[in-house]
Amino acid sequence: MSNSAWPSARDQRSAAIAATIACVCFGASVVATRFVVAQTTPVVLAFLRYLLASAAMFAVLGRSAFTPMPSRDRWQVALLGVLFFGVFPWSFSASLTHLPSATVALIVATNPLVTLALSALRGTERLSGRAIAGQLLALAGIAIALLPTGASAVTTSPSAGSWVGYAEVATTVLCGSVYNVWSRPLLLRYPSGAVTSFAMLAGTIALAPLALAQGLLTHTRTITPSGWLTVFFLGLLGGAVGFGLWGFALRRSTPSRVAVFLAINPITAIALGVLLLHEPVTARLVVALVAVMAGIQLATRR
């Protein structure tokens, strides 16, 4: 990696702040999705979310969203957008029909480790024991928060449907990791907002046929007024703001240092459950939070 591409201490700090806010938005989106998804389907909801997010980003960025790019780079951004904003939400929602949500969340939480491995293979950054240890510690914190205990921890032999679910959630992790690593060179050459908005638009277009096949027009009529407020939250804060900040962070730091902040997602979702649903604060949650924050600190320390 050239010295110009290596993030400075100031860039690292701004990336950490942006990634933290983005992941809080993503974690809040999990709670919002649980509320409104029963009124529609996961694919239709993802299409509406990214359609609103794309419209918001183009409206805010204006002419700067149409930064000139060579056709090769434009196609690369579009392909990454189809993977991250199209295949990613489809495979994630599909995996939840075959596997428990906690299992899916734990597998998705391996994204920072896969991102680090791909980044190292591509030569974007070097593997270090501290980075790996920090990411494993954050992953352990997520496992502490999500793994069932007692009678609910009893598992059965995987079924045929389970293996389909594992393949789908593995696709989810791979799509997210590929986007984290391969988008950064583009983010270094072009404004992060322009790259993110165009990628999101490409993913939205890819989701459109699936959404129509699942009854987009019918399902939009079943969403309640409070459901539409939630959809707008997902599109604006969970979409435009969250992914806009995510692109900003990827531009100013290395892929694995940004991806490790994804450990905040499930912790945010659990914390919002405590605040909004009056769920109890348990020792497991406190230990998980400490482990996640310590892991992030270890993995991102210069």
C-alpha atoms as a PDB file:
ATOM      1  CA  MET A   1       0.000   0.000   0.000  1.00  0.00           C
ATOM      2  CA  SER A   2       1.291   3.422  -0.864  1.00  0.00           C
ATOM      3  CA  ASN A   3       1.889   5.922   1.883  1.00  0.00           C
ATOM      4  CA  SER A   4      -0.861   8.173   0.461  1.00  0.00           C
ATOM      5  CA  ALA A   5      -3.397   5.383   0.905  1.00  0.00           C
ATOM      6  CA  TRP A   6      -2.405   4.653   4.496  1.00  0.00           C
ATOM      7  CA  PRO A   7      -4.734   6.459   6.911  1.00  0.00           C
ATOM      8  CA  SER A   8      -3.351   9.125   9.214  1.00  0.00           C
ATOM      9  CA  ALA A   9      -4.191   9.315  12.913  1.00  0.00           C
ATOM     10  CA  ARG A  10      -6.735  12.057  12.195  1.00  0.00           C
ATOM     11  CA  ASP A  11      -8.359   9.968   9.470  1.00  0.00           C
ATOM     12  CA  GLN A  12      -8.479   6.994  11.841  1.00  0.00           C
ATOM     13  CA  ARG A  13     -10.307   9.030  14.475  1.00  0.00           C
ATOM     14  CA  SER A  14     -12.851  10.412  12.015  1.00  0.00           C
ATOM     15  CA  ALA A  15     -13.363   6.928  10.566  1.00  0.00           C
ATOM     16  CA  ALA A  16     -13.933   5.495  14.045  1.00  0.00           C
ATOM     17  CA  ILE A  17     -16.546   8.145  14.851  1.00  0.00           C
ATOM     18  CA  ALA A  18     -18.317   7.646  11.505  1.00  0.00           C
ATOM     19  CA  ALA A  19     -18.268   3.844  11.796  1.00  0.00           C
ATOM     20  CA  THR A  20     -19.597   3.976  15.361  1.00  0.00           C
ATOM     21  CA  ILE A  21     -22.535   6.217  14.402  1.00  0.00           C
ATOM     22  CA  ALA A  22     -23.205   4.078  11.310  1.00  0.00           C
ATOM     23  CA  CYS A  23     -23.284   0.868  13.340  1.00  0.00           C
ATOM     24  CA  VAL A  24     -25.610   2.415  15.932  1.00  0.00           C
ATOM     25  CA  CYS A  25     -27.928   3.260  13.000  1.00  0.00           C
ATOM     26  CA  PHE A  26     -27.600  -0.312  11.719  1.00  0.00           C
ATOM     27  CA  GLY A  27     -28.322  -1.753  15.163  1.00  0.00           C
ATOM     28  CA  ALA A  28     -31.397   0.458  15.511  1.00  0.00           C
ATOM     29  CA  SER A  29     -32.448  -0.739  12.067  1.00  0.00           C
ATOM     30  CA  VAL A  30     -32.566  -4.314  13.363  1.00  0.00           C
ATOM     31  CA  VAL A  31     -35.171  -3.291  15.950  1.00  0.00           C
ATOM     32  CA  ALA A  32     -37.086  -1.238  13.369  1.00  0.00           C
ATOM     33  CA  THR A  33     -37.025  -4.130  10.894  1.00  0.00           C
ATOM     34  CA  ARG A  34     -38.444  -6.505  13.493  1.00  0.00           C
ATOM     35  CA  PHE A  35     -41.316  -4.096  14.015  1.00  0.00           C
ATOM     36  CA  VAL A  36     -42.328  -3.548  10.394  1.00  0.00           C
ATOM     37  CA  VAL A  37     -41.268  -6.732   8.546  1.00  0.00           C
ATOM     38  CA  ALA A  38     -44.437  -8.547   9.652  1.00  0.00           C
ATOM     39  CA  GLN A  39     -46.432  -6.046   7.565  1.00  0.00           C
ATOM     40  CA  THR A  40     -44.562  -6.899   4.351  1.00  0.00           C
ATOM     41  CA  THR A  41     -41.728  -9.242   3.268  1.00  0.00           C
ATOM     42  CA  PRO A  42     -37.968  -8.928   3.910  1.00  0.00           C
ATOM     43  CA  VAL A  43     -37.165  -8.364   0.215  1.00  0.00           C
ATOM     44  CA  VAL A  44     -39.942  -5.794  -0.278  1.00  0.00           C
ATOM     45  CA  LEU A  45     -38.805  -4.003   2.876  1.00  0.00           C
ATOM     46  CA  ALA A  46     -35.175  -3.990   1.699  1.00  0.00           C
ATOM     47  CA  PHE A  47     -36.249  -2.589  -1.682  1.00  0.00           C
ATOM     48  CA  LEU A  48     -38.268   0.203  -0.067  1.00  0.00           C
ATOM     49  CA  ARG A  49     -35.442   0.973   2.356  1.00  0.00           C
ATOM     50  CA  TYR A  50     -32.760   1.335  -0.316  1.00  0.00           C
ATOM     51  CA  LEU A  51     -35.098   3.122  -2.726  1.00  0.00           C
ATOM     52  CA  LEU A  52     -35.712   5.793  -0.095  1.00  0.00           C
ATOM     53  CA  ALA A  53     -32.033   5.848   0.865  1.00  0.00           C
ATOM     54  CA  SER A  54     -30.931   6.282  -2.760  1.00  0.00           C
ATOM     55  CA  ALA A  55     -33.435   9.079  -3.331  1.00  0.00           C
ATOM     56  CA  ALA A  56     -32.294  10.833  -0.141  1.00  0.00           C
ATOM     57  CA  MET A  57     -28.602  10.583  -1.051  1.00  0.00           C
ATOM     58  CA  PHE A  58     -29.114  11.890  -4.597  1.00  0.00           C
ATOM     59  CA  ALA A  59     -31.308  14.711  -3.258  1.00  0.00           C
ATOM     60  CA  VAL A  60     -28.708  15.782  -0.681  1.00  0.00           C
ATOM     61  CA  LEU A  61     -25.638  15.369  -2.890  1.00  0.00           C
ATOM     62  CA  GLY A  62     -27.186  16.954  -5.976  1.00  0.00           C
ATOM     63  CA  ARG A  63     -24.791  17.264  -8.891  1.00  0.00           C
ATOM     64  CA  SER A  64     -21.862  15.912  -6.877  1.00  0.00           C
ATOM     65  CA  ALA A  65     -23.568  12.485  -6.874  1.00  0.00           C
ATOM     66  CA  PHE A  66     -22.903  12.310 -10.619  1.00  0.00           C
ATOM     67  CA  THR A  67     -19.111  12.487 -10.398  1.00  0.00           C
ATOM     68  CA  PRO A  68     -17.641  11.457 -13.781  1.00  0.00           C
ATOM     69  CA  MET A  69     -16.088   7.983 -13.751  1.00  0.00           C
ATOM     70  CA  PRO A  70     -14.608   5.790 -16.490  1.00  0.00           C
ATOM     71  CA  SER A  71     -17.072   3.119 -17.586  1.00  0.00           C
ATOM     72  CA  ARG A  72     -14.892   0.393 -16.033  1.00  0.00           C
ATOM     73  CA  ASP A  73     -15.059   2.027 -12.598  1.00  0.00           C
ATOM     74  CA  ARG A  74     -18.774   2.741 -13.010  1.00  0.00           C
ATOM     75  CA  TRP A  75     -19.454  -0.925 -13.730  1.00  0.00           C
ATOM     76  CA  GLN A  76     -17.307  -1.986 -10.776  1.00  0.00           C
ATOM     77  CA  VAL A  77     -19.277   0.296  -8.439  1.00  0.00           C
ATOM     78  CA  ALA A  78     -22.533  -1.091  -9.859  1.00  0.00           C
ATOM     79  CA  LEU A  79     -21.411  -4.695  -9.366  1.00  0.00           C
ATOM     80  CA  LEU A  80     -20.344  -3.995  -5.784  1.00  0.00           C
ATOM     81  CA  GLY A  81     -23.704  -2.306  -5.214  1.00  0.00           C
ATOM     82  CA  VAL A  82     -25.595  -5.340  -6.519  1.00  0.00           C
ATOM     83  CA  LEU A  83     -23.618  -7.553  -4.124  1.00  0.00           C
ATOM     84  CA  PHE A  84     -23.932  -5.313  -1.052  1.00  0.00           C
ATOM     85  CA  PHE A  85     -27.342  -3.721  -1.502  1.00  0.00           C
ATOM     86  CA  GLY A  86     -28.971  -6.510  -3.535  1.00  0.00           C
ATOM     87  CA  VAL A  87     -27.615  -9.986  -2.822  1.00  0.00           C
ATOM     88  CA  PHE A  88     -26.643  -9.138   0.788  1.00  0.00           C
ATOM     89  CA  PRO A  89     -30.158  -8.233   2.059  1.00  0.00           C
ATOM     90  CA  TRP A  90     -31.760 -11.074   0.059  1.00  0.00           C
ATOM     91  CA  SER A  91     -29.390 -13.780   1.352  1.00  0.00           C
ATOM     92  CA  PHE A  92     -29.587 -12.396   4.890  1.00  0.00           C
ATOM     93  CA  SER A  93     -33.392 -12.447   4.983  1.00  0.00           C
ATOM     94  CA  ALA A  94     -33.497 -15.856   3.277  1.00  0.00           C
ATOM     95  CA  SER A  95     -31.112 -17.367   5.837  1.00  0.00           C
ATOM     96  CA  LEU A  96     -33.476 -16.327   8.641  1.00  0.00           C
ATOM     97  CA  THR A  97     -36.119 -18.683   7.189  1.00  0.00           C
ATOM     98  CA  HIS A  98     -33.785 -21.671   7.758  1.00  0.00           C
ATOM     99  CA  LEU A  99     -31.746 -20.746  10.837  1.00  0.00           C
ATOM    100  CA  PRO A 100     -32.383 -19.117  14.245  1.00  0.00           C
ATOM    101  CA  SER A 101     -31.760 -15.371  14.289  1.00  0.00           C
ATOM    102  CA  ALA A 102     -29.000 -15.717  16.923  1.00  0.00           C
ATOM    103  CA  THR A 103     -27.130 -18.210  14.725  1.00  0.00           C
ATOM    104  CA  VAL A 104     -27.401 -15.899  11.721  1.00  0.00           C
ATOM    105  CA  ALA A 105     -26.239 -12.908  13.782  1.00  0.00           C
ATOM    106  CA  LEU A 106     -23.186 -14.803  15.065  1.00  0.00           C
ATOM    107  CA  ILE A 107     -22.154 -15.919  11.579  1.00  0.00           C
ATOM    108  CA  VAL A 108     -22.636 -12.418  10.165  1.00  0.00           C
ATOM    109  CA  ALA A 109     -20.456 -11.161  13.041  1.00  0.00           C
ATOM    110  CA  THR A 110     -17.493 -12.977  11.438  1.00  0.00           C
ATOM    111  CA  ASN A 111     -17.531 -10.313   8.687  1.00  0.00           C
ATOM    112  CA  PRO A 112     -14.578  -8.370  10.187  1.00  0.00           C
ATOM    113  CA  LEU A 113     -12.407 -11.519  10.220  1.00  0.00           C
ATOM    114  CA  VAL A 114     -13.310 -12.363   6.617  1.00  0.00           C
ATOM    115  CA  THR A 115     -12.737  -8.722   5.653  1.00  0.00           C
ATOM    116  CA  LEU A 116      -9.284  -8.840   7.258  1.00  0.00           C
ATOM    117  CA  ALA A 117      -8.414 -12.081   5.433  1.00  0.00           C
ATOM    118  CA  LEU A 118      -9.529 -10.723   2.033  1.00  0.00           C
ATOM    119  CA  SER A 119      -7.780  -7.420   2.683  1.00  0.00           C
ATOM    120  CA  ALA A 120      -4.552  -9.241   3.494  1.00  0.00           C
ATOM    121  CA  LEU A 121      -4.854 -11.480   0.411  1.00  0.00           C
ATOM    122  CA  ARG A 122      -5.387  -8.433  -1.777  1.00  0.00           C
ATOM    123  CA  GLY A 123      -2.438  -6.638  -0.180  1.00  0.00           C
ATOM    124  CA  THR A 124      -4.537  -3.782   1.196  1.00  0.00           C
ATOM    125  CA  GLU A 125      -3.272  -4.323   4.751  1.00  0.00           C
ATOM    126  CA  ARG A 126      -1.072  -6.686   6.702  1.00  0.00           C
ATOM    127  CA  LEU A 127      -2.258  -9.296   9.145  1.00  0.00           C
ATOM    128  CA  SER A 128      -1.250  -8.560  12.720  1.00  0.00           C
ATOM    129  CA  GLY A 129      -1.725 -10.569  15.885  1.00  0.00           C
ATOM    130  CA  ARG A 130      -3.251  -7.563  17.636  1.00  0.00           C
ATOM    131  CA  ALA A 131      -5.855  -6.987  14.919  1.00  0.00           C
ATOM    132  CA  ILE A 132      -6.834 -10.652  14.884  1.00  0.00           C
ATOM    133  CA  ALA A 133      -6.977 -10.813  18.685  1.00  0.00           C
ATOM    134  CA  GLY A 134      -9.116  -7.677  18.847  1.00  0.00           C
ATOM    135  CA  GLN A 135     -11.582  -8.990  16.289  1.00  0.00           C
ATOM    136  CA  LEU A 136     -11.795 -12.368  18.034  1.00  0.00           C
ATOM    137  CA  LEU A 137     -12.444 -10.600  21.346  1.00  0.00           C
ATOM    138  CA  ALA A 138     -15.246  -8.540  19.784  1.00  0.00           C
ATOM    139  CA  LEU A 139     -16.691 -11.705  18.248  1.00  0.00           C
ATOM    140  CA  ALA A 140     -16.557 -13.393  21.650  1.00  0.00           C
ATOM    141  CA  GLY A 141     -18.520 -10.476  23.111  1.00  0.00           C
ATOM    142  CA  ILE A 142     -21.231 -10.959  20.489  1.00  0.00           C
ATOM    143  CA  ALA A 143     -21.312 -14.685  21.223  1.00  0.00           C
ATOM    144  CA  ILE A 144     -21.737 -13.988  24.942  1.00  0.00           C
ATOM    145  CA  ALA A 145     -24.666 -11.688  24.183  1.00  0.00           C
ATOM    146  CA  LEU A 146     -26.427 -13.913  21.659  1.00  0.00           C
ATOM    147  CA  LEU A 147     -25.741 -17.554  22.484  1.00  0.00           C
ATOM    148  CA  PRO A 148     -28.654 -19.232  24.267  1.00  0.00           C
ATOM    149  CA  THR A 149     -28.215 -20.753  27.708  1.00  0.00           C
ATOM    150  CA  GLY A 150     -29.890 -23.518  29.674  1.00  0.00           C
ATOM    151  CA  ALA A 151     -32.552 -25.571  27.967  1.00  0.00           C
ATOM    152  CA  SER A 152     -32.634 -23.241  24.964  1.00  0.00           C
ATOM    153  CA  ALA A 153     -28.997 -24.072  24.255  1.00  0.00           C
ATOM    154  CA  VAL A 154     -29.819 -27.665  23.303  1.00  0.00           C
ATOM    155  CA  THR A 155     -29.226 -28.123  19.592  1.00  0.00           C
ATOM    156  CA  THR A 156     -30.315 -30.726  17.094  1.00  0.00           C
ATOM    157  CA  SER A 157     -28.597 -32.219  14.053  1.00  0.00           C
ATOM    158  CA  PRO A 158     -28.522 -29.866  11.076  1.00  0.00           C
ATOM    159  CA  SER A 159     -31.314 -30.493   8.564  1.00  0.00           C
ATOM    160  CA  ALA A 160     -31.162 -30.072   4.818  1.00  0.00           C
ATOM    161  CA  GLY A 161     -32.800 -26.670   5.217  1.00  0.00           C
ATOM    162  CA  SER A 162     -30.155 -25.689   7.758  1.00  0.00           C
ATOM    163  CA  TRP A 163     -27.358 -26.287   5.273  1.00  0.00           C
ATOM    164  CA  VAL A 164     -29.179 -24.059   2.773  1.00  0.00           C
ATOM    165  CA  GLY A 165     -29.350 -21.429   5.510  1.00  0.00           C
ATOM    166  CA  TYR A 166     -25.628 -21.744   6.217  1.00  0.00           C
ATOM    167  CA  ALA A 167     -24.884 -21.286   2.505  1.00  0.00           C
ATOM    168  CA  GLU A 168     -27.119 -18.212   2.395  1.00  0.00           C
ATOM    169  CA  VAL A 169     -25.605 -16.545   5.458  1.00  0.00           C
ATOM    170  CA  ALA A 170     -22.091 -17.368   4.187  1.00  0.00           C
ATOM    171  CA  THR A 171     -23.044 -15.531   0.994  1.00  0.00           C
ATOM    172  CA  THR A 172     -24.124 -12.598   3.149  1.00  0.00           C
ATOM    173  CA  VAL A 173     -20.762 -12.459   4.927  1.00  0.00           C
ATOM    174  CA  LEU A 174     -18.813 -12.781   1.685  1.00  0.00           C
ATOM    175  CA  CYS A 175     -20.811 -10.015  -0.048  1.00  0.00           C
ATOM    176  CA  GLY A 176     -20.235  -7.632   2.854  1.00  0.00           C
ATOM    177  CA  SER A 177     -16.522  -8.416   3.049  1.00  0.00           C
ATOM    178  CA  VAL A 178     -15.979  -8.082  -0.702  1.00  0.00           C
ATOM    179  CA  TYR A 179     -17.691  -4.679  -0.652  1.00  0.00           C
ATOM    180  CA  ASN A 180     -15.567  -3.505   2.290  1.00  0.00           C
ATOM    181  CA  VAL A 181     -12.299  -4.447   0.577  1.00  0.00           C
ATOM    182  CA  TRP A 182     -12.963  -3.770  -3.121  1.00  0.00           C
ATOM    183  CA  SER A 183     -14.825  -0.489  -2.648  1.00  0.00           C
ATOM    184  CA  ARG A 184     -11.949   1.252  -0.877  1.00  0.00           C
ATOM    185  CA  PRO A 185      -9.789   1.905  -3.990  1.00  0.00           C
ATOM    186  CA  LEU A 186     -12.847   3.483  -5.603  1.00  0.00           C
ATOM    187  CA  LEU A 187     -13.559   5.502  -2.467  1.00  0.00           C
ATOM    188  CA  LEU A 188      -9.983   6.824  -2.573  1.00  0.00           C
ATOM    189  CA  ARG A 189     -10.441   7.988  -6.175  1.00  0.00           C
ATOM    190  CA  TYR A 190     -13.955   9.426  -5.981  1.00  0.00           C
ATOM    191  CA  PRO A 191     -16.130  11.119  -3.313  1.00  0.00           C
ATOM    192  CA  SER A 192     -17.546   8.540  -0.910  1.00  0.00           C
ATOM    193  CA  GLY A 193     -21.079   9.915  -1.309  1.00  0.00           C
ATOM    194  CA  ALA A 194     -21.004   9.480  -5.086  1.00  0.00           C
ATOM    195  CA  VAL A 195     -19.729   5.892  -4.838  1.00  0.00           C
ATOM    196  CA  THR A 196     -22.202   4.922  -2.110  1.00  0.00           C
ATOM    197  CA  SER A 197     -25.247   6.497  -3.766  1.00  0.00           C
ATOM    198  CA  PHE A 198     -24.559   4.898  -7.151  1.00  0.00           C
ATOM    199  CA  ALA A 199     -23.813   1.504  -5.570  1.00  0.00           C
ATOM    200  CA  MET A 200     -27.028   1.724  -3.543  1.00  0.00           C
ATOM    201  CA  LEU A 201     -29.031   2.611  -6.653  1.00  0.00           C
ATOM    202  CA  ALA A 202     -27.602  -0.411  -8.496  1.00  0.00           C
ATOM    203  CA  GLY A 203     -28.543  -2.694  -5.600  1.00  0.00           C
ATOM    204  CA  THR A 204     -32.047  -1.224  -5.471  1.00  0.00           C
ATOM    205  CA  ILE A 205     -32.538  -1.892  -9.189  1.00  0.00           C
ATOM    206  CA  ALA A 206     -31.340  -5.480  -8.663  1.00  0.00           C
ATOM    207  CA  LEU A 207     -33.886  -5.950  -5.854  1.00  0.00           C
ATOM    208  CA  ALA A 208     -36.791  -4.578  -7.908  1.00  0.00           C
ATOM    209  CA  PRO A 209     -37.672  -7.815  -9.815  1.00  0.00           C
ATOM    210  CA  LEU A 210     -37.628  -9.829  -6.568  1.00  0.00           C
ATOM    211  CA  ALA A 211     -39.775  -7.244  -4.809  1.00  0.00           C
ATOM    212  CA  LEU A 212     -42.294  -7.206  -7.663  1.00  0.00           C
ATOM    213  CA  ALA A 213     -42.399 -11.014  -7.683  1.00  0.00           C
ATOM    214  CA  GLN A 214     -43.211 -10.968  -3.967  1.00  0.00           C
ATOM    215  CA  GLY A 215     -46.135  -8.598  -4.445  1.00  0.00           C
ATOM    216  CA  LEU A 216     -44.596  -5.165  -3.970  1.00  0.00           C
ATOM    217  CA  LEU A 217     -47.794  -3.299  -4.882  1.00  0.00           C
ATOM    218  CA  THR A 218     -49.931  -5.507  -2.635  1.00  0.00           C
ATOM    219  CA  HIS A 219     -47.614  -5.368   0.374  1.00  0.00           C
ATOM    220  CA  THR A 220     -47.213  -1.590   0.287  1.00  0.00           C
ATOM    221  CA  ARG A 221     -50.965  -1.313   0.901  1.00  0.00           C
ATOM    222  CA  THR A 222     -50.744  -3.443   4.058  1.00  0.00           C
ATOM    223  CA  ILE A 223     -48.201  -1.205   5.804  1.00  0.00           C
ATOM    224  CA  THR A 224     -49.739   0.870   8.597  1.00  0.00           C
ATOM    225  CA  PRO A 225     -48.980   4.585   9.158  1.00  0.00           C
ATOM    226  CA  SER A 226     -46.603   3.692  12.003  1.00  0.00           C
ATOM    227  CA  GLY A 227     -45.078   1.085   9.710  1.00  0.00           C
ATOM    228  CA  TRP A 228     -44.416   3.714   7.050  1.00  0.00           C
ATOM    229  CA  LEU A 229     -42.736   5.922   9.647  1.00  0.00           C
ATOM    230  CA  THR A 230     -40.490   2.960  10.429  1.00  0.00           C
ATOM    231  CA  VAL A 231     -39.785   2.411   6.722  1.00  0.00           C
ATOM    232  CA  PHE A 232     -38.757   6.065   6.386  1.00  0.00           C
ATOM    233  CA  PHE A 233     -36.500   5.669   9.434  1.00  0.00           C
ATOM    234  CA  LEU A 234     -34.876   2.642   7.783  1.00  0.00           C
ATOM    235  CA  GLY A 235     -34.416   4.520   4.523  1.00  0.00           C
ATOM    236  CA  LEU A 236     -33.092   7.768   5.975  1.00  0.00           C
ATOM    237  CA  LEU A 237     -31.143   6.937   9.150  1.00  0.00           C
ATOM    238  CA  GLY A 238     -30.620   3.204   8.608  1.00  0.00           C
ATOM    239  CA  GLY A 239     -29.928   3.719   4.913  1.00  0.00           C
ATOM    240  CA  ALA A 240     -28.695   7.106   3.679  1.00  0.00           C
ATOM    241  CA  VAL A 241     -27.042   8.256   6.928  1.00  0.00           C
ATOM    242  CA  GLY A 242     -25.727   4.848   7.999  1.00  0.00           C
ATOM    243  CA  PHE A 243     -24.255   3.769   4.669  1.00  0.00           C
ATOM    244  CA  GLY A 244     -23.111   7.295   3.836  1.00  0.00           C
ATOM    245  CA  LEU A 245     -21.044   7.299   7.020  1.00  0.00           C
ATOM    246  CA  TRP A 246     -19.888   3.735   6.294  1.00  0.00           C
ATOM    247  CA  GLY A 247     -18.475   4.822   2.936  1.00  0.00           C
ATOM    248  CA  PHE A 248     -16.883   7.853   4.622  1.00  0.00           C
ATOM    249  CA  ALA A 249     -15.208   5.536   7.155  1.00  0.00           C
ATOM    250  CA  LEU A 250     -13.967   3.084   4.512  1.00  0.00           C
ATOM    251  CA  ARG A 251     -12.377   5.983   2.630  1.00  0.00           C
ATOM    252  CA  ARG A 252     -10.451   7.125   5.708  1.00  0.00           C
ATOM    253  CA  SER A 253      -9.365   3.824   7.236  1.00  0.00           C
ATOM    254  CA  THR A 254      -8.527   0.254   6.261  1.00  0.00           C
ATOM    255  CA  PRO A 255     -11.356  -2.235   5.620  1.00  0.00           C
ATOM    256  CA  SER A 256     -10.776  -4.449   8.652  1.00  0.00           C
ATOM    257  CA  ARG A 257     -10.442  -1.499  11.062  1.00  0.00           C
ATOM    258  CA  VAL A 258     -13.836  -0.257   9.911  1.00  0.00           C
ATOM    259  CA  ALA A 259     -15.490  -3.690   9.773  1.00  0.00           C
ATOM    260  CA  VAL A 260     -14.668  -4.466  13.406  1.00  0.00           C
ATOM    261  CA  PHE A 261     -17.166  -1.769  14.425  1.00  0.00           C
ATOM    262  CA  LEU A 262     -19.934  -4.052  13.123  1.00  0.00           C
ATOM    263  CA  ALA A 263     -19.719  -5.716  16.532  1.00  0.00           C
ATOM    264  CA  ILE A 264     -21.669  -2.702  17.816  1.00  0.00           C
ATOM    265  CA  ASN A 265     -24.748  -3.712  15.763  1.00  0.00           C
ATOM    266  CA  PRO A 266     -26.139  -6.523  17.930  1.00  0.00           C
ATOM    267  CA  ILE A 267     -25.135  -4.750  21.137  1.00  0.00           C
ATOM    268  CA  THR A 268     -27.104  -1.681  20.001  1.00  0.00           C
ATOM    269  CA  ALA A 269     -30.109  -3.852  19.159  1.00  0.00           C
ATOM    270  CA  ILE A 270     -30.008  -5.492  22.602  1.00  0.00           C
ATOM    271  CA  ALA A 271     -29.522  -2.137  24.357  1.00  0.00           C
ATOM    272  CA  LEU A 272     -32.528  -0.684  22.528  1.00  0.00           C
ATOM    273  CA  GLY A 273     -34.511  -3.698  23.679  1.00  0.00           C
ATOM    274  CA  VAL A 274     -33.599  -2.743  27.241  1.00  0.00           C
ATOM    275  CA  LEU A 275     -34.528   0.919  26.732  1.00  0.00           C
ATOM    276  CA  LEU A 276     -37.657   0.555  24.605  1.00  0.00           C
ATOM    277  CA  LEU A 277     -39.006  -2.848  25.587  1.00  0.00           C
ATOM    278  CA  HIS A 278     -37.919  -2.705  29.241  1.00  0.00           C
ATOM    279  CA  GLU A 279     -35.927  -5.918  28.949  1.00  0.00           C
ATOM    280  CA  PRO A 280     -33.674  -6.600  31.959  1.00  0.00           C
ATOM    281  CA  VAL A 281     -30.011  -5.580  32.054  1.00  0.00           C
ATOM    282  CA  THR A 282     -28.132  -8.826  32.591  1.00  0.00           C
ATOM    283  CA  ALA A 283     -24.565  -9.582  33.560  1.00  0.00           C
ATOM    284  CA  ARG A 284     -24.131 -11.228  30.137  1.00  0.00           C
ATOM    285  CA  LEU A 285     -24.994  -7.954  28.413  1.00  0.00           C
ATOM    286  CA  VAL A 286     -22.503  -5.999  30.515  1.00  0.00           C
ATOM    287  CA  VAL A 287     -19.722  -8.557  29.919  1.00  0.00           C
ATOM    288  CA  ALA A 288     -20.560  -8.647  26.197  1.00  0.00           C
ATOM    289  CA  LEU A 289     -20.410  -4.857  25.937  1.00  0.00           C
ATOM    290  CA  VAL A 290     -17.043  -4.726  27.710  1.00  0.00           C
ATOM    291  CA  ALA A 291     -15.641  -7.468  25.452  1.00  0.00           C
ATOM    292  CA  VAL A 292     -16.882  -5.786  22.274  1.00  0.00           C
ATOM    293  CA  MET A 293     -15.502  -2.365  23.189  1.00  0.00           C
ATOM    294  CA  ALA A 294     -12.181  -3.850  24.331  1.00  0.00           C
ATOM    295  CA  GLY A 295     -11.937  -5.834  21.103  1.00  0.00           C
ATOM    296  CA  ILE A 296     -12.597  -2.755  18.980  1.00  0.00           C
ATOM    297  CA  GLN A 297     -10.005  -0.769  20.920  1.00  0.00           C
ATOM    298  CA  LEU A 298      -7.418  -3.541  20.503  1.00  0.00           C
ATOM    299  CA  ALA A 299      -8.099  -4.057  16.811  1.00  0.00           C
ATOM    300  CA  THR A 300      -8.063  -0.370  15.856  1.00  0.00           C
ATOM    301  CA  ARG A 301      -5.206   0.855  18.019  1.00  0.00           C
ATOM    302  CA  ARG A 302      -2.306   2.081  15.915  1.00  0.00           C
END
